[in-house]
Structure formats: C-alpha cells, structure tokens
Amino acid sequence: MDSLEDIEDFPTDQCRQYSSRLADDVRQNTSQSFFYGIGMDEGDLKKPFVGISSCWIEGNPCNNHLDQLALWIKQSVQQKGMNGLR
C-alpha cells in the first residue's frame, strides 16, 4: 500500500468515537480552545482526530527516517478528511 488513497471509502464518519468527546461536548471548551489555537476551525472539529507518534532523534541515523514517515502518514490522514496530529 502506497498511501491511504489505496483504501476506498474509508469510513471517517465512524472514526469519531473518541474525538467527538473532546470536539462536541460543550464542557470541553478548554480542549476545544487548544484546537482553535493550533489553527483548526469548526469544520475541523467535526473530523476524526488521529494521533501519530514516532520515536525519532536526530542523533541516531538509524531512526532519522521516522520523522519523515510520521509526516507522510499525517499528510495521508489529512487527504482522507481527518485531522492528523503528531
């Protein structure tokens, strides 16, 4: 698989099980203010959030590629209409 483009009809509407708890609940206005602070808008809060983690360090050439891999994953997630956060 080269990207998430290879996955047809990805069910993004079913992926908000957890992100909706932060984005939709009016009691989570502090959490929502952080999302607005990083440049999201109301439309972005309706999209699923996908956490992307990588263990990379510039001082280890064996893992140097992991940062670029995480960026590629974030871009693929965003192409599918979700919020990639790394």
PDB file of N, CA and C in Angstrom:
ATOM      1  N   MET A   1       0.851  -1.173   0.000  1.00  0.00           N
ATOM      2  CA  MET A   1       0.000   0.000   0.000  1.00  0.00           C
ATOM      3  C   MET A   1       0.891   1.228   0.000  1.00  0.00           C
ATOM      4  N   ASP A   2       0.675   2.144  -0.939  1.00  0.00           N
ATOM      5  CA  ASP A   2       1.489   3.342  -1.049  1.00  0.00           C
ATOM      6  C   ASP A   2       0.960   4.498  -0.218  1.00  0.00           C
ATOM      7  N   SER A   3      -0.335   4.541   0.023  1.00  0.00           N
ATOM      8  CA  SER A   3      -0.921   5.616   0.808  1.00  0.00           C
ATOM      9  C   SER A   3      -2.327   5.204   1.216  1.00  0.00           C
ATOM     10  N   LEU A   4      -2.978   6.086   1.970  1.00  0.00           N
ATOM     11  CA  LEU A   4      -4.360   5.820   2.333  1.00  0.00           C
ATOM     12  C   LEU A   4      -5.289   5.935   1.132  1.00  0.00           C
ATOM     13  N   GLU A   5      -4.773   6.445   0.006  1.00  0.00           N
ATOM     14  CA  GLU A   5      -5.559   6.505  -1.225  1.00  0.00           C
ATOM     15  C   GLU A   5      -5.969   5.101  -1.657  1.00  0.00           C
ATOM     16  N   ASP A   6      -5.184   4.105  -1.263  1.00  0.00           N
ATOM     17  CA  ASP A   6      -5.474   2.730  -1.650  1.00  0.00           C
ATOM     18  C   ASP A   6      -6.688   2.160  -0.910  1.00  0.00           C
ATOM     19  N   ILE A   7      -7.107   2.831   0.129  1.00  0.00           N
ATOM     20  CA  ILE A   7      -8.270   2.379   0.890  1.00  0.00           C
ATOM     21  C   ILE A   7      -9.488   3.117   0.345  1.00  0.00           C
ATOM     22  N   GLU A   8     -10.384   2.406  -0.296  1.00  0.00           N
ATOM     23  CA  GLU A   8     -11.562   3.039  -0.868  1.00  0.00           C
ATOM     24  C   GLU A   8     -12.639   3.194   0.198  1.00  0.00           C
ATOM     25  N   ASP A   9     -13.345   4.295   0.121  1.00  0.00           N
ATOM     26  CA  ASP A   9     -14.477   4.558   1.014  1.00  0.00           C
ATOM     27  C   ASP A   9     -14.104   4.393   2.484  1.00  0.00           C
ATOM     28  N   PHE A  10     -13.027   5.037   2.887  1.00  0.00           N
ATOM     29  CA  PHE A  10     -12.607   4.970   4.285  1.00  0.00           C
ATOM     30  C   PHE A  10     -13.698   5.572   5.162  1.00  0.00           C
ATOM     31  N   PRO A  11     -14.179   4.856   6.177  1.00  0.00           N
ATOM     32  CA  PRO A  11     -15.344   5.299   6.962  1.00  0.00           C
ATOM     33  C   PRO A  11     -14.998   6.368   8.003  1.00  0.00           C
ATOM     34  N   THR A  12     -14.668   7.581   7.556  1.00  0.00           N
ATOM     35  CA  THR A  12     -14.276   8.622   8.515  1.00  0.00           C
ATOM     36  C   THR A  12     -15.400   8.983   9.478  1.00  0.00           C
ATOM     37  N   ASP A  13     -16.652   8.821   9.059  1.00  0.00           N
ATOM     38  CA  ASP A  13     -17.770   9.148   9.943  1.00  0.00           C
ATOM     39  C   ASP A  13     -17.852   8.197  11.131  1.00  0.00           C
ATOM     40  N   GLN A  14     -17.258   7.024  11.022  1.00  0.00           N
ATOM     41  CA  GLN A  14     -17.272   6.054  12.118  1.00  0.00           C
ATOM     42  C   GLN A  14     -16.039   6.175  13.013  1.00  0.00           C
ATOM     43  N   CYS A  15     -15.161   7.106  12.717  1.00  0.00           N
ATOM     44  CA  CYS A  15     -13.890   7.221  13.431  1.00  0.00           C
ATOM     45  C   CYS A  15     -13.901   8.298  14.505  1.00  0.00           C
ATOM     46  N   ARG A  16     -15.041   8.828  14.863  1.00  0.00           N
ATOM     47  CA  ARG A  16     -15.100   9.929  15.827  1.00  0.00           C
ATOM     48  C   ARG A  16     -15.501   9.466  17.224  1.00  0.00           C
ATOM     49  N   GLN A  17     -15.377   8.205  17.501  1.00  0.00           N
ATOM     50  CA  GLN A  17     -15.803   7.664  18.787  1.00  0.00           C
ATOM     51  C   GLN A  17     -15.168   8.405  19.954  1.00  0.00           C
ATOM     52  N   TYR A  18     -13.898   8.714  19.848  1.00  0.00           N
ATOM     53  CA  TYR A  18     -13.199   9.372  20.944  1.00  0.00           C
ATOM     54  C   TYR A  18     -13.028  10.870  20.706  1.00  0.00           C
ATOM     55  N   SER A  19     -12.730  11.267  19.476  1.00  0.00           N
ATOM     56  CA  SER A  19     -12.507  12.687  19.218  1.00  0.00           C
ATOM     57  C   SER A  19     -13.777  13.503  19.428  1.00  0.00           C
ATOM     58  N   SER A  20     -14.940  12.903  19.228  1.00  0.00           N
ATOM     59  CA  SER A  20     -16.192  13.637  19.443  1.00  0.00           C
ATOM     60  C   SER A  20     -16.364  14.019  20.908  1.00  0.00           C
ATOM     61  N   ARG A  21     -15.778  13.265  21.807  1.00  0.00           N
ATOM     62  CA  ARG A  21     -15.873  13.590  23.237  1.00  0.00           C
ATOM     63  C   ARG A  21     -15.189  14.911  23.552  1.00  0.00           C
ATOM     64  N   LEU A  22     -14.137  15.219  22.832  1.00  0.00           N
ATOM     65  CA  LEU A  22     -13.433  16.491  23.031  1.00  0.00           C
ATOM     66  C   LEU A  22     -14.008  17.597  22.162  1.00  0.00           C
ATOM     67  N   ALA A  23     -14.387  17.267  20.948  1.00  0.00           N
ATOM     68  CA  ALA A  23     -14.770  18.293  19.986  1.00  0.00           C
ATOM     69  C   ALA A  23     -16.232  18.716  20.083  1.00  0.00           C
ATOM     70  N   ASP A  24     -17.112  17.844  20.563  1.00  0.00           N
ATOM     71  CA  ASP A  24     -18.542  18.147  20.547  1.00  0.00           C
ATOM     72  C   ASP A  24     -19.116  18.539  21.903  1.00  0.00           C
ATOM     73  N   ASP A  25     -18.517  18.097  22.964  1.00  0.00           N
ATOM     74  CA  ASP A  25     -19.041  18.338  24.306  1.00  0.00           C
ATOM     75  C   ASP A  25     -18.742  19.774  24.739  1.00  0.00           C
ATOM     76  N   VAL A  26     -19.783  20.549  25.042  1.00  0.00           N
ATOM     77  CA  VAL A  26     -19.583  21.951  25.430  1.00  0.00           C
ATOM     78  C   VAL A  26     -18.787  22.083  26.729  1.00  0.00           C
ATOM     79  N   ARG A  27     -18.742  21.015  27.527  1.00  0.00           N
ATOM     80  CA  ARG A  27     -17.948  21.058  28.763  1.00  0.00           C
ATOM     81  C   ARG A  27     -16.452  20.940  28.488  1.00  0.00           C
ATOM     82  N   GLN A  28     -16.084  20.649  27.248  1.00  0.00           N
ATOM     83  CA  GLN A  28     -14.677  20.515  26.862  1.00  0.00           C
ATOM     84  C   GLN A  28     -14.176  21.771  26.145  1.00  0.00           C
ATOM     85  N   ASN A  29     -14.733  22.933  26.532  1.00  0.00           N
ATOM     86  CA  ASN A  29     -14.357  24.164  25.836  1.00  0.00           C
ATOM     87  C   ASN A  29     -12.869  24.490  25.980  1.00  0.00           C
ATOM     88  N   THR A  30     -12.234  24.067  27.059  1.00  0.00           N
ATOM     89  CA  THR A  30     -10.795  24.294  27.200  1.00  0.00           C
ATOM     90  C   THR A  30     -10.036  23.481  26.156  1.00  0.00           C
ATOM     91  N   SER A  31     -10.409  22.230  25.996  1.00  0.00           N
ATOM     92  CA  SER A  31      -9.779  21.392  24.971  1.00  0.00           C
ATOM     93  C   SER A  31     -10.002  21.983  23.586  1.00  0.00           C
ATOM     94  N   GLN A  32     -11.211  22.430  23.335  1.00  0.00           N
ATOM     95  CA  GLN A  32     -11.530  22.998  22.027  1.00  0.00           C
ATOM     96  C   GLN A  32     -10.729  24.263  21.761  1.00  0.00           C
ATOM     97  N   SER A  33     -10.449  25.048  22.806  1.00  0.00           N
ATOM     98  CA  SER A  33      -9.664  26.265  22.598  1.00  0.00           C
ATOM     99  C   SER A  33      -8.241  25.932  22.149  1.00  0.00           C
ATOM    100  N   PHE A  34      -7.698  24.816  22.600  1.00  0.00           N
ATOM    101  CA  PHE A  34      -6.379  24.387  22.141  1.00  0.00           C
ATOM    102  C   PHE A  34      -6.414  24.052  20.652  1.00  0.00           C
ATOM    103  N   PHE A  35      -7.474  23.382  20.215  1.00  0.00           N
ATOM    104  CA  PHE A  35      -7.593  23.047  18.802  1.00  0.00           C
ATOM    105  C   PHE A  35      -7.690  24.307  17.948  1.00  0.00           C
ATOM    106  N   TYR A  36      -8.468  25.278  18.408  1.00  0.00           N
ATOM    107  CA  TYR A  36      -8.543  26.547  17.686  1.00  0.00           C
ATOM    108  C   TYR A  36      -7.172  27.236  17.689  1.00  0.00           C
ATOM    109  N   GLY A  37      -6.449  27.100  18.783  1.00  0.00           N
ATOM    110  CA  GLY A  37      -5.129  27.719  18.912  1.00  0.00           C
ATOM    111  C   GLY A  37      -4.094  27.161  17.944  1.00  0.00           C
ATOM    112  N   ILE A  38      -4.279  25.917  17.490  1.00  0.00           N
ATOM    113  CA  ILE A  38      -3.335  25.344  16.522  1.00  0.00           C
ATOM    114  C   ILE A  38      -3.840  25.504  15.089  1.00  0.00           C
ATOM    115  N   GLY A  39      -4.889  26.307  14.933  1.00  0.00           N
ATOM    116  CA  GLY A  39      -5.343  26.649  13.583  1.00  0.00           C
ATOM    117  C   GLY A  39      -6.551  25.899  13.071  1.00  0.00           C
ATOM    118  N   MET A  40      -7.165  25.074  13.900  1.00  0.00           N
ATOM    119  CA  MET A  40      -8.366  24.360  13.456  1.00  0.00           C
ATOM    120  C   MET A  40      -9.559  25.313  13.471  1.00  0.00           C
ATOM    121  N   ASP A  41     -10.578  24.966  12.695  1.00  0.00           N
ATOM    122  CA  ASP A  41     -11.826  25.723  12.727  1.00  0.00           C
ATOM    123  C   ASP A  41     -12.969  24.753  13.067  1.00  0.00           C
ATOM    124  N   GLU A  42     -14.201  25.261  13.050  1.00  0.00           N
ATOM    125  CA  GLU A  42     -15.340  24.414  13.428  1.00  0.00           C
ATOM    126  C   GLU A  42     -15.470  23.193  12.526  1.00  0.00           C
ATOM    127  N   GLY A  43     -15.162  23.359  11.258  1.00  0.00           N
ATOM    128  CA  GLY A  43     -15.216  22.227  10.332  1.00  0.00           C
ATOM    129  C   GLY A  43     -14.217  21.146  10.692  1.00  0.00           C
ATOM    130  N   ASP A  44     -13.031  21.553  11.131  1.00  0.00           N
ATOM    131  CA  ASP A  44     -12.012  20.582  11.533  1.00  0.00           C
ATOM    132  C   ASP A  44     -12.438  19.798  12.763  1.00  0.00           C
ATOM    133  N   LEU A  45     -13.181  20.444  13.663  1.00  0.00           N
ATOM    134  CA  LEU A  45     -13.611  19.750  14.878  1.00  0.00           C
ATOM    135  C   LEU A  45     -14.631  18.660  14.586  1.00  0.00           C
ATOM    136  N   LYS A  46     -15.238  18.687  13.421  1.00  0.00           N
ATOM    137  CA  LYS A  46     -16.191  17.642  13.025  1.00  0.00           C
ATOM    138  C   LYS A  46     -15.499  16.439  12.398  1.00  0.00           C
ATOM    139  N   LYS A  47     -14.202  16.556  12.142  1.00  0.00           N
ATOM    140  CA  LYS A  47     -13.436  15.468  11.542  1.00  0.00           C
ATOM    141  C   LYS A  47     -12.829  14.596  12.647  1.00  0.00           C
ATOM    142  N   PRO A  48     -12.563  13.334  12.361  1.00  0.00           N
ATOM    143  CA  PRO A  48     -11.887  12.477  13.340  1.00  0.00           C
ATOM    144  C   PRO A  48     -10.462  12.972  13.610  1.00  0.00           C
ATOM    145  N   PHE A  49     -10.005  12.793  14.833  1.00  0.00           N
ATOM    146  CA  PHE A  49      -8.623  13.092  15.210  1.00  0.00           C
ATOM    147  C   PHE A  49      -7.830  11.787  15.191  1.00  0.00           C
ATOM    148  N   VAL A  50      -6.650  11.842  14.598  1.00  0.00           N
ATOM    149  CA  VAL A  50      -5.787  10.669  14.529  1.00  0.00           C
ATOM    150  C   VAL A  50      -4.447  11.061  15.132  1.00  0.00           C
ATOM    151  N   GLY A  51      -4.078  10.432  16.240  1.00  0.00           N
ATOM    152  CA  GLY A  51      -2.786  10.692  16.863  1.00  0.00           C
ATOM    153  C   GLY A  51      -1.695   9.898  16.160  1.00  0.00           C
ATOM    154  N   ILE A  52      -0.606  10.581  15.838  1.00  0.00           N
ATOM    155  CA  ILE A  52       0.508   9.954  15.123  1.00  0.00           C
ATOM    156  C   ILE A  52       1.754  10.121  15.969  1.00  0.00           C
ATOM    157  N   SER A  53       2.372   9.027  16.297  1.00  0.00           N
ATOM    158  CA  SER A  53       3.542   9.068  17.167  1.00  0.00           C
ATOM    159  C   SER A  53       4.719   8.382  16.501  1.00  0.00           C
ATOM    160  N   SER A  54       5.895   8.948  16.696  1.00  0.00           N
ATOM    161  CA  SER A  54       7.106   8.286  16.208  1.00  0.00           C
ATOM    162  C   SER A  54       8.220   8.540  17.210  1.00  0.00           C
ATOM    163  N   CYS A  55       9.119   7.612  17.295  1.00  0.00           N
ATOM    164  CA  CYS A  55      10.272   7.727  18.193  1.00  0.00           C
ATOM    165  C   CYS A  55      11.505   7.955  17.341  1.00  0.00           C
ATOM    166  N   TRP A  56      11.793   9.213  17.096  1.00  0.00           N
ATOM    167  CA  TRP A  56      12.946   9.539  16.271  1.00  0.00           C
ATOM    168  C   TRP A  56      13.819  10.520  17.036  1.00  0.00           C
ATOM    169  N   ILE A  57      15.062  10.557  16.659  1.00  0.00           N
ATOM    170  CA  ILE A  57      16.002  11.500  17.247  1.00  0.00           C
ATOM    171  C   ILE A  57      17.050  11.822  16.189  1.00  0.00           C
ATOM    172  N   GLU A  58      17.407  13.077  16.107  1.00  0.00           N
ATOM    173  CA  GLU A  58      18.391  13.487  15.099  1.00  0.00           C
ATOM    174  C   GLU A  58      19.753  12.852  15.338  1.00  0.00           C
ATOM    175  N   GLY A  59      20.029  12.483  16.578  1.00  0.00           N
ATOM    176  CA  GLY A  59      21.336  11.932  16.911  1.00  0.00           C
ATOM    177  C   GLY A  59      21.516  10.469  16.587  1.00  0.00           C
ATOM    178  N   ASN A  60      20.483   9.824  16.068  1.00  0.00           N
ATOM    179  CA  ASN A  60      20.576   8.400  15.736  1.00  0.00           C
ATOM    180  C   ASN A  60      20.224   8.215  14.268  1.00  0.00           C
ATOM    181  N   PRO A  61      21.202   8.006  13.416  1.00  0.00           N
ATOM    182  CA  PRO A  61      20.916   7.884  11.989  1.00  0.00           C
ATOM    183  C   PRO A  61      20.018   6.699  11.643  1.00  0.00           C
ATOM    184  N   CYS A  62      19.940   5.711  12.515  1.00  0.00           N
ATOM    185  CA  CYS A  62      19.084   4.544  12.234  1.00  0.00           C
ATOM    186  C   CYS A  62      17.603   4.911  12.261  1.00  0.00           C
ATOM    187  N   ASN A  63      17.228   5.932  13.052  1.00  0.00           N
ATOM    188  CA  ASN A  63      15.824   6.292  13.205  1.00  0.00           C
ATOM    189  C   ASN A  63      15.479   7.634  12.573  1.00  0.00           C
ATOM    190  N   ASN A  64      16.416   8.226  11.865  1.00  0.00           N
ATOM    191  CA  ASN A  64      16.210   9.552  11.286  1.00  0.00           C
ATOM    192  C   ASN A  64      15.009   9.595  10.337  1.00  0.00           C
ATOM    193  N   HIS A  65      14.730   8.518   9.656  1.00  0.00           N
ATOM    194  CA  HIS A  65      13.642   8.487   8.683  1.00  0.00           C
ATOM    195  C   HIS A  65      12.259   8.486   9.330  1.00  0.00           C
ATOM    196  N   LEU A  66      12.187   8.185  10.620  1.00  0.00           N
ATOM    197  CA  LEU A  66      10.875   8.061  11.258  1.00  0.00           C
ATOM    198  C   LEU A  66      10.114   9.381  11.308  1.00  0.00           C
ATOM    199  N   ASP A  67      10.823  10.503  11.407  1.00  0.00           N
ATOM    200  CA  ASP A  67      10.157  11.798  11.400  1.00  0.00           C
ATOM    201  C   ASP A  67       9.471  12.036  10.059  1.00  0.00           C
ATOM    202  N   GLN A  68      10.163  11.728   8.966  1.00  0.00           N
ATOM    203  CA  GLN A  68       9.576  11.886   7.645  1.00  0.00           C
ATOM    204  C   GLN A  68       8.425  10.901   7.419  1.00  0.00           C
ATOM    205  N   LEU A  69       8.547   9.719   7.976  1.00  0.00           N
ATOM    206  CA  LEU A  69       7.473   8.737   7.868  1.00  0.00           C
ATOM    207  C   LEU A  69       6.218   9.246   8.591  1.00  0.00           C
ATOM    208  N   ALA A  70       6.379   9.821   9.779  1.00  0.00           N
ATOM    209  CA  ALA A  70       5.244  10.372  10.522  1.00  0.00           C
ATOM    210  C   ALA A  70       4.597  11.524   9.753  1.00  0.00           C
ATOM    211  N   LEU A  71       5.401  12.354   9.111  1.00  0.00           N
ATOM    212  CA  LEU A  71       4.872  13.448   8.303  1.00  0.00           C
ATOM    213  C   LEU A  71       4.079  12.903   7.116  1.00  0.00           C
ATOM    214  N   TRP A  72       4.584  11.873   6.452  1.00  0.00           N
ATOM    215  CA  TRP A  72       3.886  11.254   5.334  1.00  0.00           C
ATOM    216  C   TRP A  72       2.539  10.684   5.793  1.00  0.00           C
ATOM    217  N   ILE A  73       2.539  10.050   6.957  1.00  0.00           N
ATOM    218  CA  ILE A  73       1.299   9.486   7.496  1.00  0.00           C
ATOM    219  C   ILE A  73       0.306  10.602   7.793  1.00  0.00           C
ATOM    220  N   LYS A  74       0.775  11.701   8.392  1.00  0.00           N
ATOM    221  CA  LYS A  74      -0.100  12.837   8.691  1.00  0.00           C
ATOM    222  C   LYS A  74      -0.725  13.376   7.408  1.00  0.00           C
ATOM    223  N   GLN A  75       0.058  13.545   6.375  1.00  0.00           N
ATOM    224  CA  GLN A  75      -0.456  14.055   5.106  1.00  0.00           C
ATOM    225  C   GLN A  75      -1.484  13.101   4.505  1.00  0.00           C
ATOM    226  N   SER A  76      -1.237  11.810   4.595  1.00  0.00           N
ATOM    227  CA  SER A  76      -2.184  10.815   4.072  1.00  0.00           C
ATOM    228  C   SER A  76      -3.492  10.843   4.852  1.00  0.00           C
ATOM    229  N   VAL A  77      -3.396  10.976   6.165  1.00  0.00           N
ATOM    230  CA  VAL A  77      -4.587  11.058   7.023  1.00  0.00           C
ATOM    231  C   VAL A  77      -5.400  12.300   6.657  1.00  0.00           C
ATOM    232  N   GLN A  78      -4.729  13.427   6.467  1.00  0.00           N
ATOM    233  CA  GLN A  78      -5.437  14.662   6.125  1.00  0.00           C
ATOM    234  C   GLN A  78      -6.074  14.578   4.738  1.00  0.00           C
ATOM    235  N   GLN A  79      -5.446  13.863   3.804  1.00  0.00           N
ATOM    236  CA  GLN A  79      -6.025  13.679   2.478  1.00  0.00           C
ATOM    237  C   GLN A  79      -7.347  12.905   2.550  1.00  0.00           C
ATOM    238  N   LYS A  80      -7.486  12.096   3.569  1.00  0.00           N
ATOM    239  CA  LYS A  80      -8.709  11.328   3.752  1.00  0.00           C
ATOM    240  C   LYS A  80      -9.764  12.072   4.571  1.00  0.00           C
ATOM    241  N   GLY A  81      -9.505  13.354   4.877  1.00  0.00           N
ATOM    242  CA  GLY A  81     -10.512  14.167   5.568  1.00  0.00           C
ATOM    243  C   GLY A  81     -10.500  14.047   7.075  1.00  0.00           C
ATOM    244  N   MET A  82      -9.372  13.656   7.645  1.00  0.00           N
ATOM    245  CA  MET A  82      -9.256  13.548   9.093  1.00  0.00           C
ATOM    246  C   MET A  82      -8.170  14.500   9.574  1.00  0.00           C
ATOM    247  N   ASN A  83      -8.107  14.724  10.892  1.00  0.00           N
ATOM    248  CA  ASN A  83      -7.079  15.555  11.486  1.00  0.00           C
ATOM    249  C   ASN A  83      -5.940  14.683  11.974  1.00  0.00           C
ATOM    250  N   GLY A  84      -4.792  14.816  11.358  1.00  0.00           N
ATOM    251  CA  GLY A  84      -3.605  14.104  11.817  1.00  0.00           C
ATOM    252  C   GLY A  84      -2.817  14.983  12.779  1.00  0.00           C
ATOM    253  N   LEU A  85      -2.601  14.502  13.973  1.00  0.00           N
ATOM    254  CA  LEU A  85      -1.865  15.261  14.993  1.00  0.00           C
ATOM    255  C   LEU A  85      -0.672  14.444  15.421  1.00  0.00           C
ATOM    256  N   ARG A  86       0.524  15.016  15.233  1.00  0.00           N
ATOM    257  CA  ARG A  86       1.722  14.286  15.653  1.00  0.00           C
ATOM    258  C   ARG A  86       2.486  15.066  16.676  1.00  0.00           C
TER     259      ARG A  86
END
